[in-house]
Amino acid sequence: MKASTSIVFLLSCSATKAASGFQLPKATTAANSASKLSMSISPSSIGGLLVRGGAVAEPALQNFYGDALGYFGGIRIPASFLAGSSLAAMFIFKTKTNDGELSTLERRVLGFYHFNSLLAFLLSLNTIASATIAHTAVLHGRFNKMAETAYMMMKREFEYEFVTVRWSFLCSLFCFLGMIASRLLIEFDLLKKDTNGGDSKNKKE
């Protein structure tokens, strides 16, 4: 009886060891497969899955203090050139305004030239003044510098100065181009009719 009980005990122990030995590889293989799966999924793919699933990722905010400082400080340089050139061009055709030989069309183009030069000067001056005020406000640093883009930050914190500087500079630039075009018409006598024909008639007489 003792021999039979010992045999049964040994058989039961071997059966339990065999059962436990067969279950352990399954657990280890499951853990290994889970670790491999987690390693194969990168953070970028996880972000892509979230976006595809409908989750919206929050945009990264950046500090655009230097961009605002550079914009308001840099735009004053071309505006100063426009202001100086327009101021000098205002007094070029002063003697021609009292000339009686000018036609009606030439007088209108000459008035258009003086009007554009004056407007370009005033708008350039407004650009310089507004940019200087905004540049000083940026130097104080009493605003929220964080935003998604520099445009959004400038429009949120300095909306009036940002719009005024852009609008004044672009309008002064177009007025300056119109002034140059009208000056070309006046300088090269492109508005006179039959200039060569009139000269030839005078020579014949």
N, C-alpha and C. Protein backbone atom coordinates (compact mmCIF):
# COMPACT_ATOMS: atom_id res chain seq x y z
N MET A 1 0.82 -1.21 0.00
CA MET A 1 0.00 0.00 0.00
C MET A 1 0.85 1.25 0.00
N LYS A 2 1.93 1.19 0.80
CA LYS A 2 2.81 2.35 0.83
C LYS A 2 3.46 2.58 -0.52
N ALA A 3 3.82 1.46 -1.19
CA ALA A 3 4.45 1.61 -2.51
C ALA A 3 3.46 2.18 -3.51
N SER A 4 2.22 1.73 -3.45
CA SER A 4 1.22 2.25 -4.40
C SER A 4 0.92 3.72 -4.15
N THR A 5 0.83 4.12 -2.89
CA THR A 5 0.57 5.53 -2.60
C THR A 5 1.71 6.41 -3.03
N SER A 6 2.95 5.92 -2.85
CA SER A 6 4.11 6.72 -3.29
C SER A 6 4.13 6.85 -4.80
N ILE A 7 3.74 5.79 -5.51
CA ILE A 7 3.70 5.85 -6.97
C ILE A 7 2.65 6.86 -7.43
N VAL A 8 1.48 6.83 -6.78
CA VAL A 8 0.42 7.77 -7.15
C VAL A 8 0.84 9.20 -6.86
N PHE A 9 1.54 9.39 -5.74
CA PHE A 9 2.01 10.73 -5.39
C PHE A 9 3.02 11.25 -6.41
N LEU A 10 3.94 10.38 -6.85
CA LEU A 10 4.93 10.77 -7.85
C LEU A 10 4.26 11.09 -9.18
N LEU A 11 3.28 10.29 -9.54
CA LEU A 11 2.58 10.54 -10.81
C LEU A 11 1.83 11.87 -10.78
N SER A 12 1.20 12.18 -9.64
CA SER A 12 0.46 13.45 -9.53
C SER A 12 1.41 14.64 -9.58
N CYS A 13 2.59 14.50 -8.94
CA CYS A 13 3.58 15.60 -8.97
C CYS A 13 4.10 15.83 -10.38
N SER A 14 4.36 14.72 -11.07
CA SER A 14 4.86 14.87 -12.46
C SER A 14 3.80 15.47 -13.36
N ALA A 15 2.53 15.14 -13.11
CA ALA A 15 1.44 15.70 -13.93
C ALA A 15 1.29 17.19 -13.71
N THR A 16 1.41 17.60 -12.44
CA THR A 16 1.30 19.04 -12.16
C THR A 16 2.47 19.81 -12.75
N LYS A 17 3.68 19.22 -12.70
CA LYS A 17 4.85 19.88 -13.29
C LYS A 17 4.72 20.00 -14.80
N ALA A 18 4.18 18.92 -15.38
CA ALA A 18 4.00 18.95 -16.84
C ALA A 18 2.98 20.00 -17.24
N ALA A 19 1.90 20.09 -16.45
CA ALA A 19 0.87 21.09 -16.77
C ALA A 19 1.40 22.50 -16.63
N SER A 20 2.16 22.71 -15.52
CA SER A 20 2.73 24.04 -15.34
C SER A 20 3.78 24.35 -16.39
N GLY A 21 4.52 23.39 -16.83
CA GLY A 21 5.53 23.59 -17.88
C GLY A 21 4.91 23.93 -19.20
N PHE A 22 3.75 23.36 -19.50
CA PHE A 22 3.08 23.69 -20.76
C PHE A 22 2.45 25.07 -20.72
N GLN A 23 2.06 25.58 -19.56
CA GLN A 23 1.39 26.88 -19.47
C GLN A 23 2.38 28.04 -19.48
N LEU A 24 3.58 27.84 -18.95
CA LEU A 24 4.55 28.92 -18.87
C LEU A 24 4.98 29.45 -20.24
N PRO A 25 5.26 28.62 -21.23
CA PRO A 25 5.62 29.17 -22.54
C PRO A 25 4.53 30.01 -23.15
N LYS A 26 3.26 29.64 -22.89
CA LYS A 26 2.16 30.43 -23.43
C LYS A 26 2.18 31.84 -22.86
N ALA A 27 2.41 31.95 -21.57
CA ALA A 27 2.44 33.27 -20.93
C ALA A 27 3.61 34.09 -21.45
N THR A 28 4.78 33.43 -21.57
CA THR A 28 5.95 34.18 -22.06
C THR A 28 5.78 34.60 -23.50
N THR A 29 5.20 33.75 -24.33
CA THR A 29 4.99 34.12 -25.74
C THR A 29 3.98 35.26 -25.84
N ALA A 30 2.96 35.28 -25.00
CA ALA A 30 1.99 36.38 -25.04
C ALA A 30 2.64 37.69 -24.62
N ALA A 31 3.51 37.64 -23.60
CA ALA A 31 4.19 38.86 -23.16
C ALA A 31 5.14 39.37 -24.23
N ASN A 32 5.85 38.41 -24.88
CA ASN A 32 6.78 38.81 -25.94
C ASN A 32 6.06 39.44 -27.12
N SER A 33 4.92 38.85 -27.49
CA SER A 33 4.15 39.42 -28.61
C SER A 33 3.60 40.79 -28.27
N ALA A 34 3.19 41.00 -27.00
CA ALA A 34 2.68 42.31 -26.60
C ALA A 34 3.77 43.36 -26.63
N SER A 35 4.99 42.96 -26.18
CA SER A 35 6.10 43.91 -26.20
C SER A 35 6.50 44.25 -27.63
N LYS A 36 6.51 43.25 -28.52
CA LYS A 36 6.82 43.52 -29.92
C LYS A 36 5.79 44.43 -30.56
N LEU A 37 4.52 44.24 -30.23
CA LEU A 37 3.47 45.09 -30.78
C LEU A 37 3.61 46.53 -30.30
N SER A 38 3.95 46.70 -29.02
CA SER A 38 4.12 48.05 -28.49
C SER A 38 5.34 48.73 -29.10
N MET A 39 6.39 47.97 -29.40
CA MET A 39 7.57 48.55 -30.02
C MET A 39 7.32 48.92 -31.47
N SER A 40 6.45 48.19 -32.17
CA SER A 40 6.18 48.47 -33.58
C SER A 40 5.35 49.72 -33.77
N ILE A 41 4.57 50.15 -32.78
CA ILE A 41 3.72 51.34 -32.89
C ILE A 41 4.53 52.54 -32.42
N SER A 42 4.81 53.44 -33.33
CA SER A 42 5.59 54.64 -33.01
C SER A 42 4.67 55.76 -32.53
N PRO A 43 5.22 56.81 -31.88
CA PRO A 43 4.37 57.94 -31.45
C PRO A 43 3.69 58.66 -32.60
N SER A 44 4.37 58.72 -33.77
CA SER A 44 3.74 59.40 -34.92
C SER A 44 2.54 58.63 -35.43
N SER A 45 2.66 57.28 -35.44
CA SER A 45 1.51 56.50 -35.88
C SER A 45 0.36 56.60 -34.90
N ILE A 46 0.68 56.69 -33.60
CA ILE A 46 -0.38 56.87 -32.60
C ILE A 46 -1.10 58.20 -32.83
N GLY A 47 -0.30 59.28 -33.12
CA GLY A 47 -0.92 60.58 -33.40
C GLY A 47 -1.78 60.54 -34.65
N GLY A 48 -1.30 59.80 -35.68
CA GLY A 48 -2.10 59.67 -36.88
C GLY A 48 -3.40 58.93 -36.65
N LEU A 49 -3.32 57.88 -35.81
CA LEU A 49 -4.54 57.15 -35.49
C LEU A 49 -5.52 58.01 -34.73
N LEU A 50 -5.01 58.85 -33.82
CA LEU A 50 -5.91 59.74 -33.08
C LEU A 50 -6.57 60.75 -33.99
N VAL A 51 -5.81 61.31 -34.95
CA VAL A 51 -6.39 62.29 -35.87
C VAL A 51 -7.42 61.64 -36.77
N ARG A 52 -7.10 60.43 -37.24
CA ARG A 52 -8.07 59.75 -38.09
C ARG A 52 -9.33 59.37 -37.33
N GLY A 53 -9.15 59.12 -36.05
CA GLY A 53 -10.31 58.74 -35.26
C GLY A 53 -11.19 59.91 -34.87
N GLY A 54 -10.75 61.13 -35.15
CA GLY A 54 -11.57 62.29 -34.86
C GLY A 54 -11.03 63.18 -33.78
N ALA A 55 -9.96 62.76 -33.08
CA ALA A 55 -9.39 63.58 -32.01
C ALA A 55 -8.51 64.66 -32.63
N VAL A 56 -8.65 65.90 -32.22
CA VAL A 56 -7.90 67.02 -32.75
C VAL A 56 -6.73 67.32 -31.83
N ALA A 57 -5.51 67.28 -32.40
CA ALA A 57 -4.33 67.57 -31.59
C ALA A 57 -4.20 69.07 -31.36
N GLU A 58 -3.79 69.46 -30.18
CA GLU A 58 -3.64 70.89 -29.87
C GLU A 58 -2.42 71.46 -30.59
N PRO A 59 -2.56 72.63 -31.25
CA PRO A 59 -1.42 73.22 -31.96
C PRO A 59 -0.36 73.71 -30.98
N ALA A 60 0.87 73.61 -31.42
CA ALA A 60 1.99 74.03 -30.57
C ALA A 60 2.11 75.55 -30.59
N LEU A 61 2.20 76.16 -29.42
CA LEU A 61 2.33 77.60 -29.30
C LEU A 61 3.81 77.97 -29.25
N GLN A 62 4.15 79.07 -29.92
CA GLN A 62 5.53 79.53 -29.97
C GLN A 62 5.62 80.98 -29.54
N ASN A 63 6.83 81.38 -29.21
CA ASN A 63 7.10 82.75 -28.79
C ASN A 63 7.52 83.57 -30.01
N PHE A 64 6.71 84.57 -30.39
CA PHE A 64 6.98 85.39 -31.57
C PHE A 64 7.33 86.82 -31.19
N TYR A 65 8.01 86.98 -30.08
CA TYR A 65 8.44 88.31 -29.65
C TYR A 65 9.45 88.91 -30.64
N GLY A 66 10.40 88.11 -31.08
CA GLY A 66 11.40 88.60 -32.03
C GLY A 66 10.83 88.95 -33.38
N ASP A 67 9.81 88.20 -33.83
CA ASP A 67 9.18 88.49 -35.12
C ASP A 67 8.45 89.84 -35.09
N ALA A 68 7.73 90.10 -34.00
CA ALA A 68 7.03 91.38 -33.89
C ALA A 68 8.02 92.54 -33.84
N LEU A 69 9.10 92.35 -33.11
CA LEU A 69 10.12 93.39 -33.00
C LEU A 69 10.79 93.64 -34.35
N GLY A 70 11.07 92.59 -35.08
CA GLY A 70 11.71 92.75 -36.38
C GLY A 70 10.79 93.35 -37.43
N TYR A 71 9.50 93.02 -37.37
CA TYR A 71 8.57 93.56 -38.37
C TYR A 71 8.41 95.07 -38.22
N PHE A 72 8.09 95.52 -37.01
CA PHE A 72 7.87 96.95 -36.80
C PHE A 72 9.17 97.75 -36.91
N GLY A 73 10.29 97.11 -36.63
CA GLY A 73 11.55 97.82 -36.78
C GLY A 73 12.06 97.84 -38.21
N GLY A 74 11.78 96.79 -38.98
CA GLY A 74 12.31 96.70 -40.33
C GLY A 74 11.51 97.45 -41.37
N ILE A 75 10.21 97.62 -41.17
CA ILE A 75 9.39 98.27 -42.19
C ILE A 75 9.63 99.77 -42.24
N ARG A 76 10.27 100.32 -41.23
CA ARG A 76 10.54 101.76 -41.24
C ARG A 76 11.63 102.13 -42.24
N ILE A 77 12.49 101.20 -42.60
CA ILE A 77 13.58 101.51 -43.53
C ILE A 77 13.06 101.78 -44.94
N PRO A 78 12.27 100.89 -45.57
CA PRO A 78 11.73 101.24 -46.90
C PRO A 78 10.74 102.40 -46.86
N ALA A 79 10.01 102.54 -45.76
CA ALA A 79 9.09 103.68 -45.65
C ALA A 79 9.85 105.00 -45.59
N SER A 80 11.03 105.01 -44.98
CA SER A 80 11.84 106.22 -44.95
C SER A 80 12.35 106.59 -46.34
N PHE A 81 12.73 105.60 -47.13
CA PHE A 81 13.15 105.87 -48.50
C PHE A 81 12.02 106.45 -49.34
N LEU A 82 10.81 105.89 -49.17
CA LEU A 82 9.66 106.40 -49.91
C LEU A 82 9.33 107.83 -49.48
N ALA A 83 9.40 108.11 -48.21
CA ALA A 83 9.09 109.46 -47.72
C ALA A 83 10.09 110.48 -48.25
N GLY A 84 11.38 110.14 -48.22
CA GLY A 84 12.39 111.08 -48.72
C GLY A 84 12.28 111.32 -50.21
N SER A 85 12.05 110.26 -50.98
CA SER A 85 11.93 110.42 -52.43
C SER A 85 10.68 111.20 -52.81
N SER A 86 9.59 110.96 -52.10
CA SER A 86 8.34 111.67 -52.41
C SER A 86 8.45 113.15 -52.05
N LEU A 87 9.12 113.44 -50.95
CA LEU A 87 9.30 114.84 -50.55
C LEU A 87 10.17 115.60 -51.56
N ALA A 88 11.21 114.94 -52.04
CA ALA A 88 12.06 115.60 -53.05
C ALA A 88 11.36 115.76 -54.39
N ALA A 89 10.47 114.83 -54.73
CA ALA A 89 9.80 114.88 -56.03
C ALA A 89 8.66 115.89 -56.06
N MET A 90 8.23 116.38 -54.93
CA MET A 90 7.11 117.32 -54.90
C MET A 90 7.46 118.66 -55.53
N PHE A 91 8.74 119.05 -55.54
CA PHE A 91 9.13 120.39 -55.97
C PHE A 91 9.88 120.37 -57.30
N ILE A 92 9.74 119.30 -58.07
CA ILE A 92 10.49 119.21 -59.33
C ILE A 92 9.82 120.02 -60.43
N PHE A 93 8.52 119.86 -60.63
CA PHE A 93 7.81 120.51 -61.73
C PHE A 93 7.10 121.78 -61.26
N LYS A 94 7.72 122.52 -60.39
CA LYS A 94 7.09 123.74 -59.90
C LYS A 94 7.01 124.81 -60.98
N THR A 95 8.02 124.89 -61.83
CA THR A 95 8.02 125.91 -62.89
C THR A 95 7.06 125.57 -64.02
N LYS A 96 6.79 124.30 -64.23
CA LYS A 96 5.92 123.91 -65.33
C LYS A 96 4.45 124.15 -65.03
N THR A 97 4.11 124.30 -63.77
CA THR A 97 2.70 124.51 -63.44
C THR A 97 2.19 125.85 -63.97
N ASN A 98 3.07 126.86 -64.08
CA ASN A 98 2.68 128.18 -64.60
C ASN A 98 2.96 128.33 -66.08
N ASP A 99 3.34 127.25 -66.72
CA ASP A 99 3.64 127.31 -68.15
C ASP A 99 2.34 127.31 -68.94
N GLY A 100 2.17 128.30 -69.80
CA GLY A 100 0.94 128.39 -70.59
C GLY A 100 0.90 127.47 -71.77
N GLU A 101 2.03 126.85 -72.14
CA GLU A 101 2.08 125.98 -73.30
C GLU A 101 1.57 124.58 -73.01
N LEU A 102 1.32 124.27 -71.78
CA LEU A 102 0.84 122.93 -71.44
C LEU A 102 -0.61 122.76 -71.82
N SER A 103 -0.93 121.59 -72.32
CA SER A 103 -2.31 121.28 -72.68
C SER A 103 -3.11 120.92 -71.43
N THR A 104 -4.41 120.75 -71.63
CA THR A 104 -5.28 120.40 -70.50
C THR A 104 -4.93 119.03 -69.94
N LEU A 105 -4.62 118.08 -70.83
CA LEU A 105 -4.26 116.74 -70.38
C LEU A 105 -2.94 116.76 -69.61
N GLU A 106 -1.98 117.54 -70.09
CA GLU A 106 -0.70 117.63 -69.39
C GLU A 106 -0.86 118.26 -68.00
N ARG A 107 -1.73 119.25 -67.90
CA ARG A 107 -1.97 119.87 -66.60
C ARG A 107 -2.61 118.88 -65.62
N ARG A 108 -3.51 118.05 -66.13
CA ARG A 108 -4.14 117.06 -65.27
C ARG A 108 -3.15 116.00 -64.80
N VAL A 109 -2.29 115.57 -65.72
CA VAL A 109 -1.26 114.59 -65.34
C VAL A 109 -0.28 115.21 -64.36
N LEU A 110 0.04 116.49 -64.54
CA LEU A 110 0.93 117.16 -63.61
C LEU A 110 0.30 117.30 -62.21
N GLY A 111 -1.00 117.60 -62.18
CA GLY A 111 -1.70 117.63 -60.90
C GLY A 111 -1.76 116.25 -60.25
N PHE A 112 -1.96 115.22 -61.09
CA PHE A 112 -1.95 113.85 -60.58
C PHE A 112 -0.59 113.49 -60.01
N TYR A 113 0.47 113.98 -60.64
CA TYR A 113 1.82 113.73 -60.15
C TYR A 113 2.04 114.36 -58.77
N HIS A 114 1.66 115.62 -58.62
CA HIS A 114 1.83 116.29 -57.33
C HIS A 114 0.95 115.67 -56.24
N PHE A 115 -0.25 115.27 -56.62
CA PHE A 115 -1.14 114.65 -55.65
C PHE A 115 -0.57 113.31 -55.16
N ASN A 116 -0.05 112.50 -56.08
CA ASN A 116 0.52 111.21 -55.69
C ASN A 116 1.78 111.38 -54.84
N SER A 117 2.60 112.37 -55.18
CA SER A 117 3.81 112.59 -54.39
C SER A 117 3.47 113.04 -52.98
N LEU A 118 2.47 113.90 -52.84
CA LEU A 118 2.06 114.34 -51.50
C LEU A 118 1.45 113.19 -50.71
N LEU A 119 0.61 112.40 -51.36
CA LEU A 119 -0.03 111.28 -50.67
C LEU A 119 0.99 110.21 -50.28
N ALA A 120 1.95 109.94 -51.15
CA ALA A 120 2.99 108.95 -50.82
C ALA A 120 3.83 109.42 -49.64
N PHE A 121 4.10 110.72 -49.58
CA PHE A 121 4.88 111.25 -48.46
C PHE A 121 4.12 111.13 -47.14
N LEU A 122 2.83 111.50 -47.15
CA LEU A 122 2.04 111.46 -45.92
C LEU A 122 1.83 110.02 -45.44
N LEU A 123 1.55 109.11 -46.36
CA LEU A 123 1.34 107.72 -45.95
C LEU A 123 2.63 107.07 -45.46
N SER A 124 3.74 107.39 -46.08
CA SER A 124 5.03 106.87 -45.60
C SER A 124 5.35 107.41 -44.21
N LEU A 125 5.03 108.68 -44.01
CA LEU A 125 5.24 109.27 -42.68
C LEU A 125 4.35 108.61 -41.63
N ASN A 126 3.12 108.29 -42.01
CA ASN A 126 2.22 107.58 -41.10
C ASN A 126 2.73 106.18 -40.79
N THR A 127 3.31 105.53 -41.79
CA THR A 127 3.90 104.20 -41.57
C THR A 127 5.04 104.26 -40.57
N ILE A 128 5.91 105.24 -40.73
CA ILE A 128 7.05 105.37 -39.82
C ILE A 128 6.59 105.65 -38.39
N ALA A 129 5.62 106.56 -38.25
CA ALA A 129 5.15 106.91 -36.91
C ALA A 129 4.44 105.74 -36.23
N SER A 130 3.56 105.06 -36.97
CA SER A 130 2.83 103.92 -36.38
C SER A 130 3.77 102.77 -36.03
N ALA A 131 4.74 102.51 -36.90
CA ALA A 131 5.69 101.42 -36.63
C ALA A 131 6.57 101.75 -35.43
N THR A 132 6.93 103.03 -35.26
CA THR A 132 7.74 103.42 -34.11
C THR A 132 6.97 103.26 -32.81
N ILE A 133 5.70 103.64 -32.81
CA ILE A 133 4.87 103.48 -31.61
C ILE A 133 4.69 102.00 -31.27
N ALA A 134 4.42 101.18 -32.29
CA ALA A 134 4.25 99.75 -32.05
C ALA A 134 5.55 99.10 -31.61
N HIS A 135 6.67 99.55 -32.15
CA HIS A 135 7.98 99.00 -31.76
C HIS A 135 8.26 99.29 -30.28
N THR A 136 7.90 100.48 -29.84
CA THR A 136 8.08 100.82 -28.42
C THR A 136 7.17 99.97 -27.53
N ALA A 137 5.94 99.73 -28.00
CA ALA A 137 5.01 98.88 -27.23
C ALA A 137 5.53 97.44 -27.13
N VAL A 138 6.15 96.95 -28.19
CA VAL A 138 6.72 95.60 -28.16
C VAL A 138 7.88 95.53 -27.18
N LEU A 139 8.67 96.59 -27.13
CA LEU A 139 9.80 96.63 -26.20
C LEU A 139 9.35 96.57 -24.74
N HIS A 140 8.18 97.11 -24.45
CA HIS A 140 7.66 97.02 -23.08
C HIS A 140 7.35 95.57 -22.68
N GLY A 141 6.92 94.76 -23.64
CA GLY A 141 6.68 93.34 -23.38
C GLY A 141 5.43 93.04 -22.59
N ARG A 142 4.48 93.95 -22.53
CA ARG A 142 3.26 93.72 -21.75
C ARG A 142 2.16 93.14 -22.63
N PHE A 143 2.43 92.00 -23.20
CA PHE A 143 1.44 91.32 -24.04
C PHE A 143 1.76 89.83 -24.05
N ASN A 144 0.80 89.06 -24.56
CA ASN A 144 0.97 87.61 -24.64
C ASN A 144 1.76 87.28 -25.91
N LYS A 145 2.95 86.76 -25.74
CA LYS A 145 3.85 86.51 -26.85
C LYS A 145 3.62 85.17 -27.52
N MET A 146 2.81 84.30 -26.91
CA MET A 146 2.62 82.94 -27.41
C MET A 146 1.43 82.89 -28.37
N ALA A 147 1.64 82.24 -29.51
CA ALA A 147 0.57 82.06 -30.50
C ALA A 147 0.99 80.95 -31.46
N GLU A 148 0.05 80.56 -32.33
CA GLU A 148 0.35 79.53 -33.32
C GLU A 148 1.26 80.07 -34.42
N THR A 149 0.96 81.29 -34.89
CA THR A 149 1.76 81.93 -35.93
C THR A 149 2.02 83.38 -35.52
N ALA A 150 3.01 83.99 -36.18
CA ALA A 150 3.32 85.39 -35.90
C ALA A 150 2.18 86.30 -36.34
N TYR A 151 1.51 85.95 -37.44
CA TYR A 151 0.39 86.77 -37.92
C TYR A 151 -0.73 86.81 -36.90
N MET A 152 -1.05 85.65 -36.32
CA MET A 152 -2.14 85.61 -35.33
C MET A 152 -1.79 86.40 -34.08
N MET A 153 -0.53 86.33 -33.67
CA MET A 153 -0.12 87.08 -32.49
C MET A 153 -0.17 88.59 -32.74
N MET A 154 0.29 89.03 -33.93
CA MET A 154 0.30 90.46 -34.25
C MET A 154 -1.12 90.99 -34.39
N LYS A 155 -1.99 90.21 -34.98
CA LYS A 155 -3.38 90.66 -35.16
C LYS A 155 -4.13 90.68 -33.83
N ARG A 156 -3.76 89.80 -32.92
CA ARG A 156 -4.44 89.74 -31.62
C ARG A 156 -3.96 90.83 -30.67
N GLU A 157 -2.67 91.07 -30.63
CA GLU A 157 -2.10 92.00 -29.65
C GLU A 157 -1.94 93.42 -30.19
N PHE A 158 -1.65 93.57 -31.50
CA PHE A 158 -1.40 94.90 -32.08
C PHE A 158 -2.21 95.04 -33.37
N GLU A 159 -3.52 94.89 -33.24
CA GLU A 159 -4.36 94.88 -34.45
C GLU A 159 -4.35 96.23 -35.16
N TYR A 160 -4.53 97.32 -34.42
CA TYR A 160 -4.58 98.64 -35.05
C TYR A 160 -3.24 99.00 -35.69
N GLU A 161 -2.15 98.81 -34.97
CA GLU A 161 -0.83 99.15 -35.50
C GLU A 161 -0.47 98.26 -36.68
N PHE A 162 -0.79 96.98 -36.59
CA PHE A 162 -0.45 96.04 -37.66
C PHE A 162 -1.19 96.37 -38.95
N VAL A 163 -2.50 96.65 -38.84
CA VAL A 163 -3.28 96.98 -40.03
C VAL A 163 -2.89 98.35 -40.59
N THR A 164 -2.66 99.31 -39.73
CA THR A 164 -2.31 100.66 -40.17
C THR A 164 -0.97 100.68 -40.89
N VAL A 165 0.00 99.99 -40.35
CA VAL A 165 1.33 99.96 -40.96
C VAL A 165 1.28 99.29 -42.33
N ARG A 166 0.60 98.16 -42.41
CA ARG A 166 0.52 97.47 -43.70
C ARG A 166 -0.22 98.30 -44.73
N TRP A 167 -1.38 98.84 -44.36
CA TRP A 167 -2.19 99.61 -45.30
C TRP A 167 -1.48 100.88 -45.75
N SER A 168 -0.86 101.57 -44.83
CA SER A 168 -0.17 102.82 -45.19
C SER A 168 1.02 102.56 -46.09
N PHE A 169 1.78 101.52 -45.80
CA PHE A 169 2.96 101.25 -46.60
C PHE A 169 2.59 100.82 -48.02
N LEU A 170 1.60 99.94 -48.15
CA LEU A 170 1.20 99.50 -49.48
C LEU A 170 0.61 100.64 -50.31
N CYS A 171 -0.22 101.48 -49.69
CA CYS A 171 -0.81 102.62 -50.41
C CYS A 171 0.27 103.64 -50.81
N SER A 172 1.23 103.89 -49.94
CA SER A 172 2.31 104.81 -50.29
C SER A 172 3.16 104.25 -51.43
N LEU A 173 3.33 102.94 -51.46
CA LEU A 173 4.09 102.33 -52.55
C LEU A 173 3.37 102.47 -53.88
N PHE A 174 2.06 102.26 -53.89
CA PHE A 174 1.30 102.41 -55.14
C PHE A 174 1.24 103.87 -55.58
N CYS A 175 1.14 104.79 -54.63
CA CYS A 175 1.16 106.21 -54.98
C CYS A 175 2.52 106.61 -55.56
N PHE A 176 3.57 106.06 -55.02
CA PHE A 176 4.91 106.34 -55.55
C PHE A 176 5.07 105.82 -56.97
N LEU A 177 4.53 104.63 -57.25
CA LEU A 177 4.58 104.10 -58.61
C LEU A 177 3.75 104.94 -59.58
N GLY A 178 2.58 105.41 -59.12
CA GLY A 178 1.78 106.30 -59.96
C GLY A 178 2.48 107.63 -60.21
N MET A 179 3.21 108.12 -59.25
CA MET A 179 3.98 109.35 -59.42
C MET A 179 5.08 109.16 -60.46
N ILE A 180 5.75 108.02 -60.43
CA ILE A 180 6.81 107.75 -61.40
C ILE A 180 6.22 107.63 -62.81
N ALA A 181 5.08 106.97 -62.94
CA ALA A 181 4.46 106.82 -64.26
C ALA A 181 4.04 108.17 -64.83
N SER A 182 3.45 109.02 -64.03
CA SER A 182 3.07 110.35 -64.52
C SER A 182 4.29 111.21 -64.85
N ARG A 183 5.36 111.05 -64.11
CA ARG A 183 6.57 111.81 -64.42
C ARG A 183 7.17 111.36 -65.75
N LEU A 184 7.11 110.07 -66.04
CA LEU A 184 7.59 109.60 -67.33
C LEU A 184 6.79 110.20 -68.48
N LEU A 185 5.48 110.32 -68.30
CA LEU A 185 4.65 110.92 -69.35
C LEU A 185 5.01 112.39 -69.58
N ILE A 186 5.34 113.09 -68.50
CA ILE A 186 5.64 114.52 -68.63
C ILE A 186 7.06 114.74 -69.16
N GLU A 187 8.02 113.99 -68.66
CA GLU A 187 9.42 114.20 -69.03
C GLU A 187 9.68 113.89 -70.49
N PHE A 188 9.10 112.85 -71.02
CA PHE A 188 9.35 112.43 -72.39
C PHE A 188 8.30 112.96 -73.37
N ASP A 189 7.47 113.91 -72.93
CA ASP A 189 6.47 114.56 -73.79
C ASP A 189 5.59 113.54 -74.52
N LEU A 190 5.15 112.54 -73.78
CA LEU A 190 4.31 111.50 -74.39
C LEU A 190 2.86 111.93 -74.52
N LEU A 191 2.50 113.09 -73.96
CA LEU A 191 1.12 113.55 -74.03
C LEU A 191 0.90 114.58 -75.13
N LYS A 192 1.96 115.03 -75.76
CA LYS A 192 1.83 116.00 -76.84
C LYS A 192 1.46 115.29 -78.14
N LYS A 193 0.59 115.93 -78.90
CA LYS A 193 0.10 115.33 -80.15
C LYS A 193 0.89 115.87 -81.33
N ASP A 194 1.37 114.93 -82.19
CA ASP A 194 2.07 115.27 -83.43
C ASP A 194 3.22 116.24 -83.19
N THR A 195 4.10 115.85 -82.28
CA THR A 195 5.24 116.71 -82.00
C THR A 195 6.18 116.78 -83.18
N ASN A 196 6.45 115.64 -83.82
CA ASN A 196 7.36 115.62 -84.96
C ASN A 196 6.75 116.31 -86.17
N GLY A 197 5.44 116.15 -86.36
CA GLY A 197 4.76 116.80 -87.48
C GLY A 197 4.79 118.31 -87.35
N GLY A 198 4.60 118.80 -86.14
CA GLY A 198 4.64 120.24 -85.92
C GLY A 198 6.02 120.81 -86.16
N ASP A 199 7.06 120.08 -85.75
CA ASP A 199 8.41 120.55 -85.97
C ASP A 199 8.76 120.59 -87.45
N SER A 200 8.29 119.59 -88.19
CA SER A 200 8.57 119.57 -89.61
C SER A 200 7.85 120.70 -90.35
N LYS A 201 6.65 121.05 -89.90
CA LYS A 201 5.93 122.14 -90.51
C LYS A 201 6.64 123.47 -90.26
N ASN A 202 7.16 123.62 -89.01
CA ASN A 202 7.87 124.86 -88.70
C ASN A 202 9.14 124.99 -89.52
N LYS A 203 9.82 123.85 -89.77
CA LYS A 203 11.03 123.90 -90.55
C LYS A 203 10.74 124.29 -92.01
N LYS A 204 9.62 123.79 -92.55
CA LYS A 204 9.25 124.11 -93.92
C LYS A 204 8.92 125.59 -94.06
N GLU A 205 8.25 126.13 -93.06
CA GLU A 205 7.88 127.56 -93.13
C GLU A 205 9.12 128.43 -92.97
